[in-house]
């Protein structure tokens, strides 16, 4: 199964220039989206307002003080078409990721994610221009907008999107953020492109490896503690952050540990749930 990020990186970069309202191109883009929706058993959308590509009504995103939009794709290989999580491990495969939590677990949402992933893979130039339009409208309305491009995926968007178009959105108040399981060397250039990344710890990381990562980047660790636990083995942690309070990850710096609680179908211990890193 193809790696979605690598496929898009080879074919890009893709423009974020919005389609003009009322244009034939924008109507055709809706037709393209509707064909994917019907393929996955969904009703065609009457307009973009009723079926946007980006989501605002996502639990933690709604806790941010800054209006935040997220892109929710089908995680890992669950679309049946491509692998949207090139660095996934056994411990985070569905349903052990956020795809098994809250409204994400509903069957209709699985179909929406699969249709959206097919749209992105098969028609990426059209897809990203629609996303660019949604970001532009949000910026015009809210002034500042955060954008989490990988709510359930792990794409190197700094290598996929046209950086000049992204820079214009950054100048107007866009704040891109993400969690990633990619090693820092695989995401070199992300910070320069404007991305705020937190590196997610998997079942494969040793305590020593996590401690070394903290010298370079903020890291996110899942545990089953209901509140902020005490760190046991991480000498280079400068600050422990409750990652469930909001998703304003642009505030994090190297040395920060973002603590996340167990959600949905995640195990209480084992896999990506790393109780062993805390006292």
Protein backbone atom coordinates (compact mmCIF):
# COMPACT_ATOMS: atom_id res chain seq x y z
CA UNK A 1 0.00 0.00 0.00
CA UNK A 2 1.42 3.39 -1.00
CA UNK A 3 2.73 5.84 1.57
CA UNK A 4 0.43 8.87 1.18
CA UNK A 5 2.96 11.43 2.37
CA UNK A 6 5.69 10.25 0.00
CA UNK A 7 3.24 10.10 -2.90
CA UNK A 8 2.14 13.69 -2.31
CA UNK A 9 5.71 14.88 -1.79
CA UNK A 10 6.69 13.48 -5.19
CA UNK A 11 3.72 15.09 -6.96
CA UNK A 12 3.74 18.42 -5.14
CA UNK A 13 4.12 21.08 -4.02
CA UNK A 14 0.46 22.03 -4.15
CA UNK A 15 -1.03 25.51 -4.19
CA UNK A 16 -3.32 26.78 -1.44
CA UNK A 17 -4.77 29.45 -3.73
CA UNK A 18 -8.57 29.39 -3.19
CA UNK A 19 -11.05 28.88 -6.01
CA UNK A 20 -13.07 31.99 -6.78
CA UNK A 21 -16.55 31.96 -5.27
CA UNK A 22 -19.16 31.10 -7.88
CA UNK A 23 -16.54 29.92 -10.38
CA UNK A 24 -16.93 26.87 -12.56
CA UNK A 25 -13.72 25.47 -11.06
CA UNK A 26 -15.19 25.58 -7.56
CA UNK A 27 -18.36 23.84 -8.74
CA UNK A 28 -16.27 21.17 -10.44
CA UNK A 29 -14.29 20.69 -7.22
CA UNK A 30 -17.54 19.97 -5.39
CA UNK A 31 -18.45 17.43 -8.06
CA UNK A 32 -15.07 15.73 -7.55
CA UNK A 33 -15.65 15.61 -3.79
CA UNK A 34 -19.19 14.29 -4.21
CA UNK A 35 -18.04 11.41 -6.41
CA UNK A 36 -15.81 10.24 -3.54
CA UNK A 37 -18.60 10.72 -1.03
CA UNK A 38 -20.98 8.56 -3.06
CA UNK A 39 -18.26 5.92 -3.52
CA UNK A 40 -18.08 5.52 0.26
CA UNK A 41 -21.83 5.46 0.84
CA UNK A 42 -22.38 9.12 1.70
CA UNK A 43 -24.91 11.58 0.30
CA UNK A 44 -23.64 14.22 -2.13
CA UNK A 45 -23.12 17.63 -0.55
CA UNK A 46 -25.22 20.53 -1.85
CA UNK A 47 -22.43 23.02 -1.25
CA UNK A 48 -19.07 23.37 0.46
CA UNK A 49 -20.62 24.94 3.54
CA UNK A 50 -22.43 21.72 4.36
CA UNK A 51 -19.45 19.42 3.85
CA UNK A 52 -16.13 21.19 4.41
CA UNK A 53 -12.79 19.38 4.30
CA UNK A 54 -11.59 20.90 7.59
CA UNK A 55 -13.23 20.37 10.96
CA UNK A 56 -13.72 22.87 13.77
CA UNK A 57 -15.97 20.77 16.02
CA UNK A 58 -13.26 18.52 17.43
CA UNK A 59 -13.16 18.16 21.22
CA UNK A 60 -9.71 19.43 22.13
CA UNK A 61 -9.46 21.90 19.26
CA UNK A 62 -12.52 23.68 20.63
CA UNK A 63 -10.65 24.30 23.90
CA UNK A 64 -8.11 26.55 22.18
CA UNK A 65 -8.44 30.30 22.61
CA UNK A 66 -7.52 30.66 18.93
CA UNK A 67 -10.06 29.36 16.40
CA UNK A 68 -8.64 26.02 15.25
CA UNK A 69 -9.31 23.86 12.19
CA UNK A 70 -8.14 20.29 11.72
CA UNK A 71 -7.84 17.88 8.81
CA UNK A 72 -9.18 14.42 9.72
CA UNK A 73 -8.07 11.68 7.33
CA UNK A 74 -8.38 7.90 7.61
CA UNK A 75 -5.49 6.82 9.86
CA UNK A 76 -2.84 4.34 8.80
CA UNK A 77 -4.22 1.89 6.18
CA UNK A 78 -7.86 2.15 7.28
CA UNK A 79 -8.96 3.86 4.04
CA UNK A 80 -8.08 0.69 2.16
CA UNK A 81 -6.32 2.88 -0.38
CA UNK A 82 -3.12 4.39 1.06
CA UNK A 83 -1.15 4.53 4.29
CA UNK A 84 -1.60 7.99 5.84
CA UNK A 85 0.71 7.25 8.81
CA UNK A 86 4.13 6.31 7.50
CA UNK A 87 5.69 6.18 10.99
CA UNK A 88 2.91 4.32 12.79
CA UNK A 89 3.76 1.47 15.14
CA UNK A 90 1.72 -1.54 16.23
CA UNK A 91 0.79 0.27 19.45
CA UNK A 92 -0.99 3.11 17.67
CA UNK A 93 -2.75 1.23 14.87
CA UNK A 94 -6.54 1.71 14.76
CA UNK A 95 -8.51 1.43 16.96
CA UNK A 96 -5.72 2.19 19.46
CA UNK A 97 -5.34 5.73 18.15
CA UNK A 98 -7.85 8.56 18.42
CA UNK A 99 -9.94 6.95 15.67
CA UNK A 100 -11.48 4.81 18.43
CA UNK A 101 -12.37 7.74 20.69
CA UNK A 102 -15.58 9.76 20.95
CA UNK A 103 -17.43 10.50 17.72
CA UNK A 104 -14.45 9.24 15.72
CA UNK A 105 -15.56 5.66 16.28
CA UNK A 106 -18.92 6.08 14.54
CA UNK A 107 -19.24 4.24 11.23
CA UNK A 108 -20.33 7.30 9.25
CA UNK A 109 -17.21 9.16 10.35
CA UNK A 110 -15.06 6.25 9.15
CA UNK A 111 -16.65 6.64 5.72
CA UNK A 112 -16.15 10.43 5.68
CA UNK A 113 -12.47 9.99 6.53
CA UNK A 114 -12.03 7.37 3.81
CA UNK A 115 -13.74 9.58 1.20
CA UNK A 116 -11.64 12.59 2.21
CA UNK A 117 -8.44 10.50 1.99
CA UNK A 118 -9.41 9.26 -1.48
CA UNK A 119 -10.04 12.86 -2.59
CA UNK A 120 -6.63 13.94 -1.33
CA UNK A 121 -4.77 11.00 -2.90
CA UNK A 122 -6.54 11.07 -6.26
CA UNK A 123 -7.01 14.82 -6.78
CA UNK A 124 -4.47 16.57 -4.52
CA UNK A 125 -4.27 19.86 -6.44
CA UNK A 126 -8.02 20.35 -6.17
CA UNK A 127 -8.08 19.18 -2.56
CA UNK A 128 -5.49 21.68 -1.34
CA UNK A 129 -7.08 24.62 -3.14
CA UNK A 130 -10.32 23.85 -1.33
CA UNK A 131 -8.42 23.66 1.97
CA UNK A 132 -6.74 26.97 1.15
CA UNK A 133 -10.15 28.55 0.64
CA UNK A 134 -11.42 27.26 3.97
CA UNK A 135 -8.34 28.59 5.75
CA UNK A 136 -8.66 31.97 4.02
CA UNK A 137 -12.32 32.36 4.99
CA UNK A 138 -11.52 31.44 8.58
CA UNK A 139 -8.68 33.99 8.70
CA UNK A 140 -10.92 36.69 7.28
CA UNK A 141 -13.51 35.93 9.95
CA UNK A 142 -11.35 35.26 13.01
CA UNK A 143 -8.11 37.15 12.36
CA UNK A 144 -5.93 34.32 13.72
CA UNK A 145 -6.47 30.63 13.00
CA UNK A 146 -4.59 27.53 14.12
CA UNK A 147 -4.38 24.63 11.66
CA UNK A 148 -3.70 21.06 12.71
CA UNK A 149 -3.16 19.25 9.43
CA UNK A 150 -2.79 15.77 10.90
CA UNK A 151 -5.47 14.93 13.43
CA UNK A 152 -5.29 11.20 12.63
CA UNK A 153 -2.57 11.13 9.95
CA UNK A 154 1.14 11.92 9.75
CA UNK A 155 1.94 13.80 6.54
CA UNK A 156 4.99 15.99 6.03
CA UNK A 157 2.95 18.98 4.96
CA UNK A 158 6.01 21.22 4.84
CA UNK A 159 7.14 19.11 1.85
CA UNK A 160 3.69 18.84 0.27
CA UNK A 161 2.37 22.40 0.24
CA UNK A 162 3.61 25.39 -1.75
CA UNK A 163 5.58 27.31 0.85
CA UNK A 164 5.12 30.73 -0.75
CA UNK A 165 1.34 30.36 -0.53
CA UNK A 166 1.66 29.04 3.01
CA UNK A 167 3.84 32.03 3.93
CA UNK A 168 1.09 34.44 2.88
CA UNK A 169 -1.35 32.65 5.19
CA UNK A 170 1.24 32.74 8.00
CA UNK A 171 1.61 36.49 7.53
CA UNK A 172 -2.17 36.82 7.92
CA UNK A 173 -2.30 34.89 11.19
CA UNK A 174 -2.22 31.16 10.41
CA UNK A 175 -0.56 28.96 13.07
CA UNK A 176 0.22 25.42 11.82
CA UNK A 177 0.72 22.72 14.47
CA UNK A 178 0.95 18.94 14.60
CA UNK A 179 1.96 15.87 16.48
CA UNK A 180 4.26 13.50 14.58
CA UNK A 181 5.90 10.14 15.13
CA UNK A 182 8.57 10.96 12.56
CA UNK A 183 12.09 11.39 13.97
CA UNK A 184 13.30 15.02 14.02
CA UNK A 185 15.70 14.35 11.11
CA UNK A 186 12.71 13.42 8.93
CA UNK A 187 10.99 16.73 9.68
CA UNK A 188 13.94 19.08 9.23
CA UNK A 189 12.63 22.20 7.59
CA UNK A 190 9.22 22.02 9.26
CA UNK A 191 10.00 24.76 11.78
CA UNK A 192 11.43 27.03 9.08
CA UNK A 193 8.21 26.52 7.10
CA UNK A 194 6.19 27.67 10.12
CA UNK A 195 5.15 24.36 11.68
CA UNK A 196 5.01 23.79 15.44
CA UNK A 197 5.66 20.08 16.01
CA UNK A 198 5.43 17.86 19.08
CA UNK A 199 7.04 14.44 18.69
CA UNK A 200 4.91 11.54 19.90
CA UNK A 201 6.55 8.79 21.94
CA UNK A 202 5.79 5.20 20.92
CA UNK A 203 6.30 1.81 22.54
CA UNK A 204 9.66 1.60 20.75
CA UNK A 205 11.32 4.53 22.50
CA UNK A 206 13.57 3.80 25.46
CA UNK A 207 13.72 6.26 28.35
CA UNK A 208 17.22 7.25 27.23
CA UNK A 209 15.98 7.97 23.70
CA UNK A 210 13.13 10.11 25.03
CA UNK A 211 15.57 12.03 27.20
CA UNK A 212 17.81 12.72 24.18
CA UNK A 213 14.81 13.87 22.13
CA UNK A 214 13.94 16.42 24.81
CA UNK A 215 17.20 18.22 24.06
CA UNK A 216 15.86 18.95 20.55
CA UNK A 217 12.05 18.97 20.61
CA UNK A 218 8.94 18.85 22.81
CA UNK A 219 7.55 15.33 23.18
CA UNK A 220 4.08 13.92 23.86
CA UNK A 221 3.62 10.90 26.13
CA UNK A 222 0.38 9.02 26.83
CA UNK A 223 -0.21 7.52 30.26
CA UNK A 224 -3.24 6.25 32.16
CA UNK A 225 -2.71 8.69 35.03
CA UNK A 226 -5.89 10.81 35.43
CA UNK A 227 -3.81 13.88 36.30
CA UNK A 228 -0.28 15.10 35.77
CA UNK A 229 2.02 12.38 37.15
CA UNK A 230 5.56 12.82 38.38
CA UNK A 231 8.32 12.22 35.88
CA UNK A 232 10.53 9.32 36.84
CA UNK A 233 13.29 8.89 34.26
CA UNK A 234 13.56 12.02 32.14
CA UNK A 235 16.43 14.17 33.29
CA UNK A 236 16.09 16.72 30.50
CA UNK A 237 12.42 17.54 31.05
CA UNK A 238 12.10 21.26 31.71
CA UNK A 239 8.31 21.42 31.99
CA UNK A 240 5.40 18.98 32.27
CA UNK A 241 2.31 20.17 30.38
CA UNK A 242 -1.27 18.88 30.59
CA UNK A 243 -1.96 18.23 26.91
CA UNK A 244 -5.66 17.57 27.51
CA UNK A 245 -6.36 21.15 28.57
CA UNK A 246 -6.01 22.53 25.04
CA UNK A 247 -4.16 21.94 21.79
CA UNK A 248 -2.10 25.13 21.65
CA UNK A 249 1.09 23.27 20.90
CA UNK A 250 2.80 26.35 19.48
CA UNK A 251 3.46 27.25 23.12
CA UNK A 252 5.71 24.19 23.64
CA UNK A 253 9.48 24.20 23.43
CA UNK A 254 12.34 21.68 23.49
CA UNK A 255 12.39 20.06 26.93
CA UNK A 256 8.60 20.13 27.38
CA UNK A 257 6.74 16.88 28.02
CA UNK A 258 3.09 17.05 26.90
CA UNK A 259 1.15 14.53 28.98
CA UNK A 260 -1.91 12.98 27.31
CA UNK A 261 -4.45 10.72 28.99
CA UNK A 262 -5.71 7.39 27.62
CA UNK A 263 -8.67 7.81 25.27
CA UNK A 264 -11.11 5.57 23.44
CA UNK A 265 -9.81 2.07 22.74
CA UNK A 266 -6.25 2.68 23.92
CA UNK A 267 -5.06 0.08 26.44
CA UNK A 268 -4.63 1.15 30.04
CA UNK A 269 -1.00 0.09 29.83
CA UNK A 270 1.30 -1.05 27.04
CA UNK A 271 1.61 0.00 23.42
CA UNK A 272 1.86 3.77 23.17
CA UNK A 273 0.61 4.10 26.77
CA UNK A 274 3.90 4.64 28.56
CA UNK A 275 3.23 4.45 32.28
CA UNK A 276 6.82 3.22 32.65
CA UNK A 277 8.15 6.74 31.98
CA UNK A 278 6.40 8.17 35.04
CA UNK A 279 6.62 7.55 38.75
